[in-house]
N, C-alpha and C. Protein backbone atom coordinates (compact mmCIF):
# COMPACT_ATOMS: atom_id res chain seq x y z
N MET A 1 -15.83 16.77 -2.88
CA MET A 1 -16.01 16.97 -1.42
C MET A 1 -14.44 16.93 -0.87
N ASN A 2 -13.90 17.74 0.04
CA ASN A 2 -13.07 17.72 0.72
C ASN A 2 -12.95 17.16 2.13
N LEU A 3 -13.85 16.39 2.66
CA LEU A 3 -13.90 15.70 3.90
C LEU A 3 -12.62 14.74 4.17
N HIS A 4 -12.11 14.97 5.43
CA HIS A 4 -11.32 13.93 6.02
C HIS A 4 -11.79 13.75 7.03
N ALA A 5 -12.76 12.91 7.37
CA ALA A 5 -13.45 12.23 8.32
C ALA A 5 -12.63 11.54 9.53
N PHE A 6 -11.41 11.00 9.19
CA PHE A 6 -10.90 9.92 10.14
C PHE A 6 -9.26 10.07 9.96
N ASN A 7 -8.64 9.78 10.99
CA ASN A 7 -7.04 9.88 10.64
C ASN A 7 -6.76 8.87 9.87
N ALA A 8 -6.03 9.16 8.80
CA ALA A 8 -5.48 8.09 7.77
C ALA A 8 -3.99 8.12 7.77
N GLY A 9 -3.31 6.89 7.36
CA GLY A 9 -1.97 7.14 7.26
C GLY A 9 -1.66 6.89 5.88
N CYS A 10 -0.17 7.14 5.41
CA CYS A 10 0.38 6.99 4.10
C CYS A 10 0.79 5.33 3.97
N ASN A 11 0.24 4.70 3.31
CA ASN A 11 0.46 3.19 3.42
C ASN A 11 0.96 2.85 1.77
N ILE A 12 1.98 2.36 1.73
CA ILE A 12 2.68 1.79 0.45
C ILE A 12 2.41 0.50 0.32
N VAL A 13 1.64 0.15 -1.02
CA VAL A 13 1.70 -1.34 -1.44
C VAL A 13 2.62 -1.54 -2.44
N GLY A 14 3.48 -2.47 -2.26
CA GLY A 14 4.56 -2.72 -3.25
C GLY A 14 4.78 -4.01 -3.38
N PHE A 15 4.57 -4.64 -4.58
CA PHE A 15 5.32 -6.14 -4.99
C PHE A 15 5.56 -6.24 -6.61
N ARG A 16 6.11 -7.48 -6.66
CA ARG A 16 6.74 -7.71 -8.18
C ARG A 16 5.78 -8.62 -8.53
N LYS A 17 5.46 -8.60 -10.01
CA LYS A 17 4.64 -9.50 -10.94
C LYS A 17 4.80 -9.04 -12.24
N ASN A 18 5.03 -10.37 -12.88
CA ASN A 18 5.36 -10.23 -14.34
C ASN A 18 6.38 -9.33 -14.61
N ASP A 19 7.52 -9.36 -13.91
CA ASP A 19 8.67 -8.58 -14.08
C ASP A 19 8.50 -7.07 -14.01
N ILE A 20 7.47 -6.54 -13.43
CA ILE A 20 7.22 -5.31 -13.06
C ILE A 20 7.08 -5.04 -11.44
N LYS A 21 7.82 -4.02 -11.15
CA LYS A 21 7.55 -3.50 -9.57
C LYS A 21 6.46 -2.62 -9.53
N TYR A 22 5.43 -3.34 -8.88
CA TYR A 22 4.10 -2.37 -8.72
C TYR A 22 3.99 -1.72 -7.43
N GLY A 23 3.82 -0.48 -7.41
CA GLY A 23 3.79 0.41 -6.04
C GLY A 23 2.78 1.53 -6.12
N MET A 24 2.08 1.82 -5.02
CA MET A 24 1.11 2.95 -5.07
C MET A 24 0.86 3.23 -3.36
N CYS A 25 0.54 4.46 -3.16
CA CYS A 25 0.18 5.16 -2.10
C CYS A 25 -1.37 4.82 -1.69
N CYS A 26 -1.53 4.40 -0.48
CA CYS A 26 -2.97 4.01 -0.19
C CYS A 26 -3.28 4.69 1.32
N ALA A 27 -4.21 5.69 1.38
CA ALA A 27 -4.67 6.44 2.64
C ALA A 27 -5.72 5.59 3.13
N TRP A 28 -6.59 5.13 2.26
CA TRP A 28 -7.74 4.43 2.96
C TRP A 28 -7.56 2.76 3.26
N ALA A 29 -7.01 2.62 4.39
CA ALA A 29 -6.64 1.31 4.82
C ALA A 29 -7.11 1.08 6.23
N GLN A 30 -7.49 -0.14 6.59
CA GLN A 30 -7.69 -0.29 8.06
C GLN A 30 -7.57 -1.77 8.46
N MET A 31 -7.21 -2.10 9.88
CA MET A 31 -7.28 -3.33 10.48
C MET A 31 -8.79 -4.03 10.29
N LEU A 32 -8.88 -5.48 10.06
CA LEU A 32 -10.13 -5.95 10.08
C LEU A 32 -10.25 -7.04 11.27
N ASP A 33 -9.00 -7.38 11.57
CA ASP A 33 -8.80 -8.26 12.54
C ASP A 33 -7.38 -8.30 12.99
N TYR A 34 -6.84 -9.05 14.04
CA TYR A 34 -5.18 -8.96 14.23
C TYR A 34 -4.51 -9.22 13.07
N ASP A 35 -4.84 -10.10 12.21
CA ASP A 35 -4.18 -10.56 11.14
C ASP A 35 -4.76 -10.27 9.79
N ARG A 36 -5.82 -9.37 9.86
CA ARG A 36 -6.42 -9.17 8.50
C ARG A 36 -6.32 -7.48 8.18
N LEU A 37 -6.01 -7.01 7.02
CA LEU A 37 -6.18 -5.65 6.40
C LEU A 37 -7.19 -5.47 5.45
N GLY A 38 -7.84 -4.38 5.09
CA GLY A 38 -8.57 -3.90 4.27
C GLY A 38 -8.17 -2.58 3.61
N MET A 39 -8.17 -2.30 2.20
CA MET A 39 -7.61 -1.15 1.56
C MET A 39 -8.60 -0.93 0.43
N LEU A 40 -8.94 0.17 0.53
CA LEU A 40 -9.87 0.66 -0.84
C LEU A 40 -8.72 1.11 -2.01
N ILE A 41 -8.84 0.76 -2.98
CA ILE A 41 -7.81 0.91 -4.13
C ILE A 41 -8.58 1.73 -5.54
N GLY A 42 -8.65 2.67 -5.55
CA GLY A 42 -9.19 3.54 -6.56
C GLY A 42 -9.11 2.70 -8.29
N ALA A 43 -10.19 2.94 -8.76
CA ALA A 43 -10.30 2.11 -10.26
C ALA A 43 -9.34 2.45 -11.25
N GLN A 44 -8.70 4.00 -10.87
CA GLN A 44 -7.61 4.27 -11.97
C GLN A 44 -6.16 3.51 -11.43
N SER A 45 -6.20 2.91 -10.54
CA SER A 45 -4.81 2.39 -9.97
C SER A 45 -4.42 0.99 -11.06
N VAL A 46 -3.26 1.35 -11.82
CA VAL A 46 -2.80 0.10 -12.45
C VAL A 46 -2.30 -1.10 -11.31
N THR A 47 -1.96 -0.48 -10.37
CA THR A 47 -1.18 -1.33 -9.35
C THR A 47 -2.38 -2.30 -8.61
N GLY A 48 -3.61 -1.65 -8.44
CA GLY A 48 -4.74 -2.38 -7.79
C GLY A 48 -5.25 -3.29 -8.79
N SER A 49 -5.30 -2.92 -10.12
CA SER A 49 -5.81 -3.80 -11.47
C SER A 49 -5.25 -5.20 -11.61
N VAL A 50 -4.13 -5.20 -11.05
CA VAL A 50 -3.47 -6.49 -11.06
C VAL A 50 -3.35 -7.46 -9.98
N LEU A 51 -3.94 -7.01 -8.93
CA LEU A 51 -4.17 -7.83 -7.50
C LEU A 51 -5.12 -9.03 -7.63
N GLU A 52 -4.59 -9.95 -7.36
CA GLU A 52 -5.54 -11.35 -7.48
C GLU A 52 -5.26 -12.18 -5.92
N PRO A 53 -6.51 -12.95 -5.52
CA PRO A 53 -6.14 -13.50 -4.52
C PRO A 53 -4.93 -14.57 -4.48
N GLY A 54 -4.26 -14.41 -3.50
CA GLY A 54 -2.82 -15.63 -3.91
C GLY A 54 -1.67 -14.83 -3.90
N ASP A 55 -1.80 -13.37 -4.16
CA ASP A 55 -0.58 -12.58 -4.41
C ASP A 55 0.12 -12.38 -3.21
N GLN A 56 1.50 -12.36 -3.06
CA GLN A 56 1.94 -11.85 -1.74
C GLN A 56 2.47 -10.54 -2.04
N ILE A 57 2.03 -9.57 -1.33
CA ILE A 57 2.42 -8.00 -1.54
C ILE A 57 3.05 -7.49 -0.08
N GLY A 58 3.91 -6.26 -0.12
CA GLY A 58 4.45 -5.52 0.92
C GLY A 58 3.33 -4.56 0.96
N VAL A 59 3.22 -4.28 2.34
CA VAL A 59 2.35 -3.05 2.72
C VAL A 59 3.17 -2.30 3.83
N SER A 60 3.65 -1.15 3.48
CA SER A 60 4.76 -0.37 4.45
C SER A 60 3.83 0.88 4.91
N GLY A 61 3.67 0.90 6.28
CA GLY A 61 2.90 2.16 6.74
C GLY A 61 4.17 3.48 7.22
N LEU A 62 4.10 4.18 6.34
CA LEU A 62 5.28 5.16 6.44
C LEU A 62 5.34 5.85 7.56
N ALA A 63 6.59 6.40 7.83
CA ALA A 63 6.83 7.02 9.41
C ALA A 63 6.90 8.58 8.94
N THR A 64 6.93 9.46 9.90
CA THR A 64 6.93 10.69 9.83
C THR A 64 8.55 10.96 9.01
N GLY A 65 8.54 11.85 8.38
CA GLY A 65 9.91 12.12 7.55
C GLY A 65 10.00 11.34 6.02
N GLN A 66 9.03 10.64 5.83
CA GLN A 66 9.07 9.73 4.64
C GLN A 66 8.01 10.41 3.57
N GLU A 67 7.75 11.84 3.66
CA GLU A 67 6.89 12.44 2.83
C GLU A 67 7.18 12.16 1.41
N ASN A 68 8.44 12.14 1.00
CA ASN A 68 8.97 12.39 -0.36
C ASN A 68 8.79 10.75 -0.85
N ILE A 69 8.67 9.64 -0.17
CA ILE A 69 8.28 8.31 -0.63
C ILE A 69 6.55 8.41 -0.83
N ALA A 70 6.00 9.20 -0.18
CA ALA A 70 4.47 9.18 -0.44
C ALA A 70 4.01 9.82 -1.66
N ARG A 71 4.74 11.04 -1.93
CA ARG A 71 4.63 11.59 -3.05
C ARG A 71 5.18 10.74 -4.43
N ARG A 72 6.37 10.27 -4.11
CA ARG A 72 6.95 9.34 -5.24
C ARG A 72 5.69 8.36 -5.96
N LEU A 73 5.48 7.70 -4.66
CA LEU A 73 4.61 6.58 -5.18
C LEU A 73 3.21 6.98 -5.36
N GLY A 74 2.61 7.96 -5.11
CA GLY A 74 1.49 8.57 -5.51
C GLY A 74 1.34 9.25 -7.07
N GLU A 75 2.20 9.32 -7.32
CA GLU A 75 2.25 9.82 -8.85
C GLU A 75 2.52 8.94 -9.99
N GLY A 76 2.10 9.19 -11.15
CA GLY A 76 2.20 8.22 -12.24
C GLY A 76 1.46 6.69 -12.09
N HIS A 77 1.77 6.06 -13.04
CA HIS A 77 1.29 4.50 -12.87
C HIS A 77 2.63 3.65 -13.09
N SER A 78 2.67 2.51 -12.11
CA SER A 78 3.60 1.38 -12.28
C SER A 78 4.18 0.80 -13.58
N ASP A 79 3.38 0.56 -14.66
CA ASP A 79 3.56 0.17 -15.79
C ASP A 79 4.13 1.29 -16.83
N GLN A 80 4.31 2.35 -16.53
CA GLN A 80 4.91 3.55 -17.23
C GLN A 80 6.42 3.97 -16.38
N THR A 81 6.72 3.66 -15.38
CA THR A 81 7.77 4.07 -14.48
C THR A 81 8.17 3.43 -13.29
N ASP A 82 9.37 3.34 -13.09
CA ASP A 82 9.87 2.77 -11.85
C ASP A 82 9.53 3.63 -10.72
N LYS A 83 8.69 3.41 -10.02
CA LYS A 83 7.90 4.23 -8.73
C LYS A 83 9.26 3.96 -7.70
N PHE A 84 9.93 3.08 -7.62
CA PHE A 84 10.81 2.53 -6.55
C PHE A 84 12.43 3.01 -6.75
N SER A 85 12.49 3.70 -7.89
CA SER A 85 14.04 4.43 -8.37
C SER A 85 14.28 5.50 -7.32
N GLY A 86 15.22 5.17 -6.63
CA GLY A 86 16.00 6.10 -5.65
C GLY A 86 15.23 6.04 -4.15
N ILE A 87 14.51 5.05 -4.18
CA ILE A 87 13.81 4.69 -2.87
C ILE A 87 14.45 3.32 -2.06
N ALA A 88 14.82 3.32 -1.09
CA ALA A 88 15.32 2.29 -0.42
C ALA A 88 14.54 1.26 -0.06
N PHE A 89 14.41 -0.02 -0.18
CA PHE A 89 13.49 -1.05 -0.18
C PHE A 89 14.02 -2.44 0.02
N ASP A 90 13.45 -3.15 0.57
CA ASP A 90 13.80 -4.58 0.43
C ASP A 90 12.77 -5.59 -0.03
N CYS A 91 13.06 -6.68 -0.57
CA CYS A 91 12.16 -7.88 -1.00
C CYS A 91 12.09 -9.12 -0.17
N VAL A 92 10.82 -9.38 0.01
CA VAL A 92 10.42 -10.83 0.75
C VAL A 92 9.79 -11.57 -0.24
N GLY A 93 10.22 -12.37 -1.20
CA GLY A 93 9.54 -13.11 -1.96
C GLY A 93 9.20 -12.00 -3.02
N SER A 94 7.69 -11.83 -3.43
CA SER A 94 7.43 -10.79 -4.42
C SER A 94 6.96 -9.30 -3.72
N ALA A 95 6.88 -9.61 -2.25
CA ALA A 95 6.50 -8.39 -1.38
C ALA A 95 7.64 -7.45 -1.53
N ILE A 96 7.45 -6.10 -1.85
CA ILE A 96 8.19 -5.05 -1.72
C ILE A 96 7.93 -4.15 -0.29
N LEU A 97 8.98 -3.94 0.44
CA LEU A 97 8.73 -3.44 1.83
C LEU A 97 9.65 -2.23 1.80
N ILE A 98 9.27 -0.88 2.20
CA ILE A 98 9.95 0.39 2.25
C ILE A 98 11.09 0.41 3.44
N ALA A 99 12.16 0.55 3.47
CA ALA A 99 13.21 0.77 4.34
C ALA A 99 12.93 2.12 5.51
N GLY A 100 12.81 1.85 6.64
CA GLY A 100 12.46 2.89 7.67
C GLY A 100 10.96 3.05 7.87
N ALA A 101 10.14 2.41 7.35
CA ALA A 101 8.85 2.61 7.68
C ALA A 101 8.51 2.24 8.79
N ARG A 102 7.42 2.95 9.41
CA ARG A 102 6.79 2.48 10.76
C ARG A 102 6.55 1.22 11.00
N THR A 103 5.74 0.47 9.95
CA THR A 103 5.23 -0.81 9.88
C THR A 103 5.49 -1.50 8.64
N ARG A 104 6.03 -2.44 8.43
CA ARG A 104 6.39 -3.39 7.29
C ARG A 104 5.78 -4.77 7.28
N MET A 105 4.94 -5.11 6.48
CA MET A 105 3.93 -6.31 6.35
C MET A 105 3.94 -7.04 5.21
N VAL A 106 4.25 -8.17 5.32
CA VAL A 106 4.06 -9.10 4.12
C VAL A 106 2.97 -9.81 4.06
N CYS A 107 2.11 -9.59 3.10
CA CYS A 107 0.39 -9.95 3.19
C CYS A 107 0.31 -10.98 2.09
N GLU A 108 -0.98 -11.80 2.10
CA GLU A 108 -1.34 -12.51 0.90
C GLU A 108 -2.76 -12.09 0.77
N VAL A 109 -2.80 -11.63 -0.57
CA VAL A 109 -4.33 -10.86 -0.90
C VAL A 109 -5.26 -12.23 -0.91
N VAL A 110 -6.37 -11.77 0.02
CA VAL A 110 -7.37 -13.29 0.21
C VAL A 110 -8.61 -12.85 -0.63
N GLU A 111 -9.02 -11.65 -0.93
CA GLU A 111 -10.05 -11.30 -1.91
C GLU A 111 -10.15 -10.01 -2.32
N VAL A 112 -10.36 -9.76 -3.64
CA VAL A 112 -10.67 -8.59 -4.24
C VAL A 112 -12.23 -8.51 -4.51
N MET A 113 -12.85 -7.37 -3.83
CA MET A 113 -13.95 -7.06 -3.94
C MET A 113 -14.34 -5.84 -4.95
N ARG A 114 -15.22 -5.81 -5.69
CA ARG A 114 -15.49 -4.71 -6.55
C ARG A 114 -16.79 -3.95 -6.28
N PHE A 115 -17.01 -2.46 -6.18
CA PHE A 115 -18.08 -1.97 -5.87
C PHE A 115 -18.56 -1.29 -6.90
N ALA A 116 -19.38 -1.75 -7.78
CA ALA A 116 -19.64 -1.16 -9.17
C ALA A 116 -20.28 0.56 -9.05
N ASP A 117 -20.85 0.72 -7.74
CA ASP A 117 -21.52 2.04 -7.65
C ASP A 117 -20.67 3.13 -7.04
N VAL A 118 -19.19 2.66 -6.72
CA VAL A 118 -18.24 3.43 -6.25
C VAL A 118 -17.07 3.23 -7.32
N GLU A 119 -17.59 3.89 -8.58
CA GLU A 119 -16.41 4.13 -9.59
C GLU A 119 -15.62 2.76 -9.79
N ALA A 120 -16.00 1.58 -9.48
CA ALA A 120 -15.55 0.38 -9.83
C ALA A 120 -14.22 0.27 -9.21
N ASP A 121 -14.04 0.64 -8.04
CA ASP A 121 -13.01 0.92 -7.09
C ASP A 121 -12.98 -0.70 -6.75
N ARG A 122 -11.62 -0.84 -6.10
CA ARG A 122 -11.55 -2.34 -5.50
C ARG A 122 -11.31 -2.24 -4.04
N TYR A 123 -11.94 -3.23 -3.36
CA TYR A 123 -11.40 -3.34 -1.69
C TYR A 123 -10.83 -4.73 -1.68
N VAL A 124 -9.78 -4.57 -1.26
CA VAL A 124 -8.61 -5.68 -1.13
C VAL A 124 -8.55 -5.87 0.46
N VAL A 125 -8.96 -7.25 0.55
CA VAL A 125 -8.58 -7.98 1.74
C VAL A 125 -7.40 -8.89 2.09
N MET A 126 -6.63 -8.49 2.83
CA MET A 126 -5.13 -9.20 3.12
C MET A 126 -4.98 -9.92 4.28
N LYS A 127 -4.06 -10.90 4.38
CA LYS A 127 -4.09 -11.78 5.66
C LYS A 127 -2.55 -11.29 5.75
N VAL A 128 -2.12 -11.02 7.11
CA VAL A 128 -0.97 -10.30 7.31
C VAL A 128 0.08 -11.79 7.64
N LEU A 129 1.05 -12.15 6.86
CA LEU A 129 1.77 -13.42 6.88
C LEU A 129 2.95 -13.11 8.20
N SER A 130 3.62 -11.65 7.86
CA SER A 130 4.75 -11.54 8.91
C SER A 130 4.52 -9.96 8.80
N TYR A 131 5.25 -9.39 9.97
CA TYR A 131 5.43 -7.98 10.20
C TYR A 131 6.60 -7.67 11.02
N GLU A 132 6.93 -6.50 10.75
CA GLU A 132 7.99 -5.71 11.90
C GLU A 132 7.58 -4.30 11.91
N GLN A 133 7.70 -3.87 13.01
CA GLN A 133 7.16 -2.47 13.56
C GLN A 133 8.06 -1.72 14.43
N ASN A 134 8.23 -0.42 14.01
CA ASN A 134 9.12 0.56 14.95
C ASN A 134 8.17 1.39 15.78
N GLU A 135 7.77 0.98 17.05
CA GLU A 135 6.69 1.63 17.61
C GLU A 135 7.30 3.17 18.26
N SER A 136 8.60 3.32 18.28
CA SER A 136 9.11 4.52 18.58
C SER A 136 9.03 5.61 17.85
N THR A 137 8.69 5.41 16.27
CA THR A 137 8.43 6.15 15.32
C THR A 137 7.01 6.50 14.92
N PRO A 138 6.52 7.83 14.98
CA PRO A 138 5.25 8.04 14.68
C PRO A 138 4.88 7.77 13.13
N PHE A 139 3.78 7.36 13.07
CA PHE A 139 3.14 7.14 11.35
C PHE A 139 3.12 8.52 10.73
N LEU A 140 3.33 8.39 9.30
CA LEU A 140 3.26 9.76 8.50
C LEU A 140 1.54 9.85 8.47
N PHE A 141 1.13 11.04 8.72
CA PHE A 141 -0.49 11.35 8.43
C PHE A 141 -0.52 11.59 6.88
N ALA A 142 -1.59 10.98 6.42
CA ALA A 142 -1.85 11.07 5.05
C ALA A 142 -2.02 12.54 4.50
N TYR A 143 -2.58 13.52 5.20
CA TYR A 143 -2.96 14.72 4.89
C TYR A 143 -1.93 15.61 5.26
N PHE A 144 -0.54 15.49 4.91
CA PHE A 144 0.58 16.01 5.45
C PHE A 144 0.67 17.31 4.81
N GLU A 145 -0.01 17.57 3.71
CA GLU A 145 0.19 18.95 3.19
C GLU A 145 -1.23 19.81 3.12
C-alpha cells in the first residue's frame, strides 16, 4: 500500500546508550498533549528495540534542506554503523539533537507499547522535558522524494 493519508514530517530519534549512538528517522509521530509525543517505531528498528521507560532521548523535527540527514538516519542499523558520522549534532545528557533542525526536543520515554497484530511494532510515548524551535524554518515533509 502506498497511501500517504496525512502530512508527516521527518523526525530523528537520537540517544546514547551502552556506549552506542542510536539514531533513526521516524515519520509516524504526533503530539498527544502539549508535553507528550507518540511515535510508531517499526519492529525492524534496532534503535526502537532498546528504548525503555526512563530513557532520555532526543527528537529533532528536521527542517527543509536537511534531506541528506533523513536519508542517512533512515539507512542501516545503529549497532552496525555510526549513523551520526558527518552530521552536526549536540548532546544533552544522553539525548542527541540535530543541529539546524526545526524543532529539537529532549524527551523521557514514558511507555513502550507493543501491537502484536501490527508486526510487533512499538508505540513509544514520551514526555517533553525541554525544547527549542525555529519557527521561521519550515518542517521537512516526510515524502520529499
